[in-house]
Amino acid sequence: MTDPTWKLLTTLTDHPSALLLADGLSKEGISVRLMSDAMLLGQASATRVYVEAPQLRRARWIISQDNWSDEELAYLSVGELGAGEE
């Protein structure tokens, strides 16, 4: 990505993990773009996570402070609270 308004935040080894991170950052008000070299849906390939340049420092801070529980990760992945949680 050569657009100077977007900066590389991190590269993750798989797309589902990148989607989880992007969703969590988006919920914190961070604009996120994902880029992968995968040619086919489901193909294993690293995914690069970009954020808008002015939000890079905040995104790094959010990641460094992040201690997501298993329940929060499950919610981010399926969009539902576990049994007995509301």
N, C-alpha and C. Protein backbone atom coordinates (compact mmCIF):
# COMPACT_ATOMS: atom_id res chain seq x y z
N MET A 1 0.86 -1.16 0.00
CA MET A 1 0.00 0.00 0.00
C MET A 1 0.91 1.23 0.00
N THR A 2 0.76 2.09 -0.98
CA THR A 2 1.62 3.25 -1.08
C THR A 2 0.93 4.54 -0.64
N ASP A 3 -0.32 4.47 -0.25
CA ASP A 3 -1.06 5.65 0.21
C ASP A 3 -0.45 6.13 1.53
N PRO A 4 0.09 7.36 1.58
CA PRO A 4 0.76 7.82 2.81
C PRO A 4 -0.19 8.08 3.98
N THR A 5 -1.49 8.07 3.74
CA THR A 5 -2.42 8.30 4.84
C THR A 5 -2.65 7.03 5.65
N TRP A 6 -2.18 5.89 5.15
CA TRP A 6 -2.32 4.60 5.84
C TRP A 6 -0.95 4.08 6.21
N LYS A 7 -0.80 3.62 7.45
CA LYS A 7 0.48 3.10 7.93
C LYS A 7 0.31 1.67 8.41
N LEU A 8 1.35 0.86 8.16
CA LEU A 8 1.33 -0.53 8.60
C LEU A 8 1.40 -0.59 10.11
N LEU A 9 0.41 -1.24 10.71
CA LEU A 9 0.39 -1.45 12.16
C LEU A 9 1.08 -2.75 12.51
N THR A 10 0.68 -3.83 11.84
CA THR A 10 1.26 -5.14 12.13
C THR A 10 0.92 -6.09 10.99
N THR A 11 1.57 -7.23 10.98
CA THR A 11 1.26 -8.30 10.04
C THR A 11 0.96 -9.55 10.87
N LEU A 12 -0.17 -10.15 10.58
CA LEU A 12 -0.57 -11.37 11.29
C LEU A 12 -0.49 -12.55 10.34
N THR A 13 -0.29 -13.73 10.91
CA THR A 13 -0.06 -14.92 10.09
C THR A 13 -1.30 -15.47 9.42
N ASP A 14 -2.49 -15.04 9.88
CA ASP A 14 -3.71 -15.55 9.27
C ASP A 14 -4.77 -14.46 9.21
N HIS A 15 -5.66 -14.58 8.25
CA HIS A 15 -6.69 -13.57 8.02
C HIS A 15 -7.74 -13.51 9.15
N PRO A 16 -8.20 -14.64 9.69
CA PRO A 16 -9.17 -14.54 10.79
C PRO A 16 -8.66 -13.74 11.99
N SER A 17 -7.40 -13.90 12.34
CA SER A 17 -6.84 -13.13 13.44
C SER A 17 -6.81 -11.64 13.10
N ALA A 18 -6.49 -11.34 11.86
CA ALA A 18 -6.47 -9.94 11.42
C ALA A 18 -7.87 -9.34 11.48
N LEU A 19 -8.88 -10.13 11.12
CA LEU A 19 -10.26 -9.66 11.19
C LEU A 19 -10.66 -9.35 12.64
N LEU A 20 -10.26 -10.21 13.56
CA LEU A 20 -10.55 -9.98 14.98
C LEU A 20 -9.89 -8.69 15.47
N LEU A 21 -8.64 -8.50 15.10
CA LEU A 21 -7.93 -7.29 15.51
C LEU A 21 -8.60 -6.07 14.89
N ALA A 22 -8.92 -6.14 13.61
CA ALA A 22 -9.57 -5.01 12.92
C ALA A 22 -10.89 -4.66 13.58
N ASP A 23 -11.66 -5.67 13.94
CA ASP A 23 -12.96 -5.42 14.58
C ASP A 23 -12.77 -4.74 15.93
N GLY A 24 -11.81 -5.23 16.71
CA GLY A 24 -11.55 -4.63 18.01
C GLY A 24 -11.08 -3.19 17.90
N LEU A 25 -10.20 -2.92 16.94
CA LEU A 25 -9.73 -1.55 16.73
C LEU A 25 -10.85 -0.65 16.23
N SER A 26 -11.67 -1.18 15.35
CA SER A 26 -12.80 -0.39 14.83
C SER A 26 -13.75 0.02 15.95
N LYS A 27 -13.96 -0.87 16.89
CA LYS A 27 -14.83 -0.57 18.03
C LYS A 27 -14.24 0.52 18.91
N GLU A 28 -12.94 0.74 18.80
CA GLU A 28 -12.26 1.80 19.55
C GLU A 28 -12.16 3.08 18.71
N GLY A 29 -12.78 3.08 17.52
CA GLY A 29 -12.78 4.28 16.68
C GLY A 29 -11.59 4.39 15.74
N ILE A 30 -10.84 3.30 15.56
CA ILE A 30 -9.68 3.30 14.68
C ILE A 30 -10.11 2.81 13.30
N SER A 31 -9.75 3.55 12.26
CA SER A 31 -10.03 3.12 10.88
C SER A 31 -8.98 2.08 10.49
N VAL A 32 -9.44 0.96 9.93
CA VAL A 32 -8.55 -0.16 9.63
C VAL A 32 -8.75 -0.65 8.20
N ARG A 33 -7.66 -1.02 7.56
CA ARG A 33 -7.69 -1.70 6.26
C ARG A 33 -6.83 -2.94 6.36
N LEU A 34 -7.30 -4.01 5.74
CA LEU A 34 -6.54 -5.26 5.72
C LEU A 34 -6.09 -5.55 4.30
N MET A 35 -4.88 -6.10 4.17
CA MET A 35 -4.36 -6.51 2.86
C MET A 35 -3.71 -7.87 2.99
N SER A 36 -4.06 -8.74 2.06
CA SER A 36 -3.52 -10.09 2.04
C SER A 36 -3.09 -10.43 0.63
N ASP A 37 -2.10 -11.29 0.51
CA ASP A 37 -1.64 -11.74 -0.80
C ASP A 37 -2.33 -13.03 -1.23
N ALA A 38 -3.29 -13.48 -0.44
CA ALA A 38 -4.00 -14.72 -0.77
C ALA A 38 -4.74 -14.54 -2.09
N MET A 39 -4.63 -15.52 -2.93
CA MET A 39 -5.29 -15.49 -4.24
C MET A 39 -6.68 -16.11 -4.18
N LEU A 40 -6.90 -16.98 -3.19
CA LEU A 40 -8.17 -17.67 -3.06
C LEU A 40 -8.72 -17.49 -1.66
N LEU A 41 -10.04 -17.42 -1.55
CA LEU A 41 -10.67 -17.33 -0.24
C LEU A 41 -10.30 -18.57 0.58
N GLY A 42 -9.83 -18.36 1.78
CA GLY A 42 -9.45 -19.47 2.64
C GLY A 42 -8.00 -19.89 2.52
N GLN A 43 -7.28 -19.34 1.55
CA GLN A 43 -5.88 -19.68 1.37
C GLN A 43 -5.07 -19.10 2.53
N ALA A 44 -4.18 -19.90 3.09
CA ALA A 44 -3.34 -19.43 4.19
C ALA A 44 -2.35 -18.40 3.67
N SER A 45 -2.39 -17.23 4.25
CA SER A 45 -1.49 -16.17 3.84
C SER A 45 -1.47 -15.10 4.92
N ALA A 46 -0.34 -14.46 5.09
CA ALA A 46 -0.24 -13.38 6.07
C ALA A 46 -1.13 -12.22 5.65
N THR A 47 -1.64 -11.50 6.64
CA THR A 47 -2.49 -10.34 6.39
C THR A 47 -1.88 -9.13 7.08
N ARG A 48 -1.73 -8.06 6.33
CA ARG A 48 -1.19 -6.81 6.87
C ARG A 48 -2.34 -5.94 7.35
N VAL A 49 -2.15 -5.34 8.52
CA VAL A 49 -3.17 -4.48 9.13
C VAL A 49 -2.66 -3.04 9.07
N TYR A 50 -3.41 -2.19 8.36
CA TYR A 50 -3.07 -0.79 8.22
C TYR A 50 -4.06 0.07 8.98
N VAL A 51 -3.59 1.19 9.50
CA VAL A 51 -4.45 2.18 10.14
C VAL A 51 -4.11 3.54 9.55
N GLU A 52 -5.05 4.49 9.69
CA GLU A 52 -4.77 5.84 9.22
C GLU A 52 -3.60 6.41 10.00
N ALA A 53 -2.72 7.11 9.32
CA ALA A 53 -1.48 7.60 9.91
C ALA A 53 -1.69 8.35 11.23
N PRO A 54 -2.67 9.25 11.33
CA PRO A 54 -2.84 9.96 12.60
C PRO A 54 -3.28 9.06 13.76
N GLN A 55 -3.77 7.86 13.46
CA GLN A 55 -4.26 6.96 14.49
C GLN A 55 -3.25 5.87 14.86
N LEU A 56 -2.09 5.88 14.22
CA LEU A 56 -1.11 4.82 14.42
C LEU A 56 -0.66 4.71 15.88
N ARG A 57 -0.32 5.81 16.49
CA ARG A 57 0.16 5.77 17.89
C ARG A 57 -0.93 5.22 18.82
N ARG A 58 -2.17 5.67 18.62
CA ARG A 58 -3.27 5.20 19.47
C ARG A 58 -3.52 3.71 19.25
N ALA A 59 -3.46 3.27 18.00
CA ALA A 59 -3.67 1.85 17.70
C ALA A 59 -2.59 1.00 18.36
N ARG A 60 -1.35 1.44 18.31
CA ARG A 60 -0.27 0.71 18.98
C ARG A 60 -0.51 0.64 20.48
N TRP A 61 -0.97 1.76 21.06
CA TRP A 61 -1.24 1.79 22.49
C TRP A 61 -2.37 0.82 22.84
N ILE A 62 -3.44 0.81 22.03
CA ILE A 62 -4.56 -0.09 22.28
C ILE A 62 -4.09 -1.54 22.26
N ILE A 63 -3.27 -1.89 21.29
CA ILE A 63 -2.75 -3.26 21.20
C ILE A 63 -1.90 -3.58 22.42
N SER A 64 -1.08 -2.64 22.84
CA SER A 64 -0.19 -2.91 23.98
C SER A 64 -0.97 -3.06 25.29
N GLN A 65 -2.12 -2.43 25.39
CA GLN A 65 -2.94 -2.48 26.60
C GLN A 65 -3.96 -3.61 26.56
N ASP A 66 -4.06 -4.24 25.43
CA ASP A 66 -5.15 -5.18 25.21
C ASP A 66 -4.95 -6.49 25.96
N ASN A 67 -5.93 -6.81 26.77
CA ASN A 67 -5.99 -8.09 27.47
C ASN A 67 -7.39 -8.65 27.29
N TRP A 68 -7.71 -9.03 26.06
CA TRP A 68 -9.05 -9.54 25.78
C TRP A 68 -9.26 -10.88 26.45
N SER A 69 -10.42 -11.02 27.06
CA SER A 69 -10.78 -12.29 27.67
C SER A 69 -11.23 -13.26 26.58
N ASP A 70 -11.32 -14.54 26.92
CA ASP A 70 -11.81 -15.54 25.97
C ASP A 70 -13.22 -15.19 25.53
N GLU A 71 -14.03 -14.67 26.45
CA GLU A 71 -15.41 -14.31 26.13
C GLU A 71 -15.45 -13.16 25.11
N GLU A 72 -14.57 -12.17 25.29
CA GLU A 72 -14.52 -11.05 24.35
C GLU A 72 -14.06 -11.52 22.98
N LEU A 73 -13.07 -12.39 22.94
CA LEU A 73 -12.60 -12.92 21.66
C LEU A 73 -13.69 -13.73 20.97
N ALA A 74 -14.43 -14.51 21.75
CA ALA A 74 -15.53 -15.29 21.18
C ALA A 74 -16.60 -14.36 20.63
N TYR A 75 -16.91 -13.28 21.37
CA TYR A 75 -17.91 -12.32 20.89
C TYR A 75 -17.45 -11.68 19.59
N LEU A 76 -16.18 -11.29 19.51
CA LEU A 76 -15.68 -10.67 18.29
C LEU A 76 -15.72 -11.63 17.11
N SER A 77 -15.52 -12.92 17.37
CA SER A 77 -15.48 -13.87 16.27
C SER A 77 -16.86 -14.28 15.77
N VAL A 78 -17.86 -14.33 16.67
CA VAL A 78 -19.19 -14.80 16.24
C VAL A 78 -20.29 -13.77 16.44
N GLY A 79 -20.00 -12.68 17.15
CA GLY A 79 -20.99 -11.64 17.34
C GLY A 79 -22.09 -11.98 18.33
N GLU A 80 -21.85 -12.98 19.19
CA GLU A 80 -22.84 -13.38 20.17
C GLU A 80 -22.19 -13.53 21.53
N LEU A 81 -22.95 -13.17 22.56
CA LEU A 81 -22.47 -13.43 23.92
C LEU A 81 -22.66 -14.90 24.25
N GLY A 82 -21.80 -15.41 25.10
CA GLY A 82 -21.92 -16.81 25.52
C GLY A 82 -23.16 -17.02 26.37
N ALA A 83 -23.45 -18.26 26.69
CA ALA A 83 -24.62 -18.61 27.51
C ALA A 83 -24.54 -17.92 28.86
N GLY A 84 -25.64 -17.29 29.26
CA GLY A 84 -25.70 -16.63 30.55
C GLY A 84 -25.06 -15.25 30.61
N GLU A 85 -24.61 -14.71 29.48
CA GLU A 85 -23.99 -13.38 29.45
C GLU A 85 -24.87 -12.44 28.67
N GLU A 86 -25.16 -11.29 29.23
CA GLU A 86 -25.96 -10.29 28.51
C GLU A 86 -25.57 -8.93 28.90
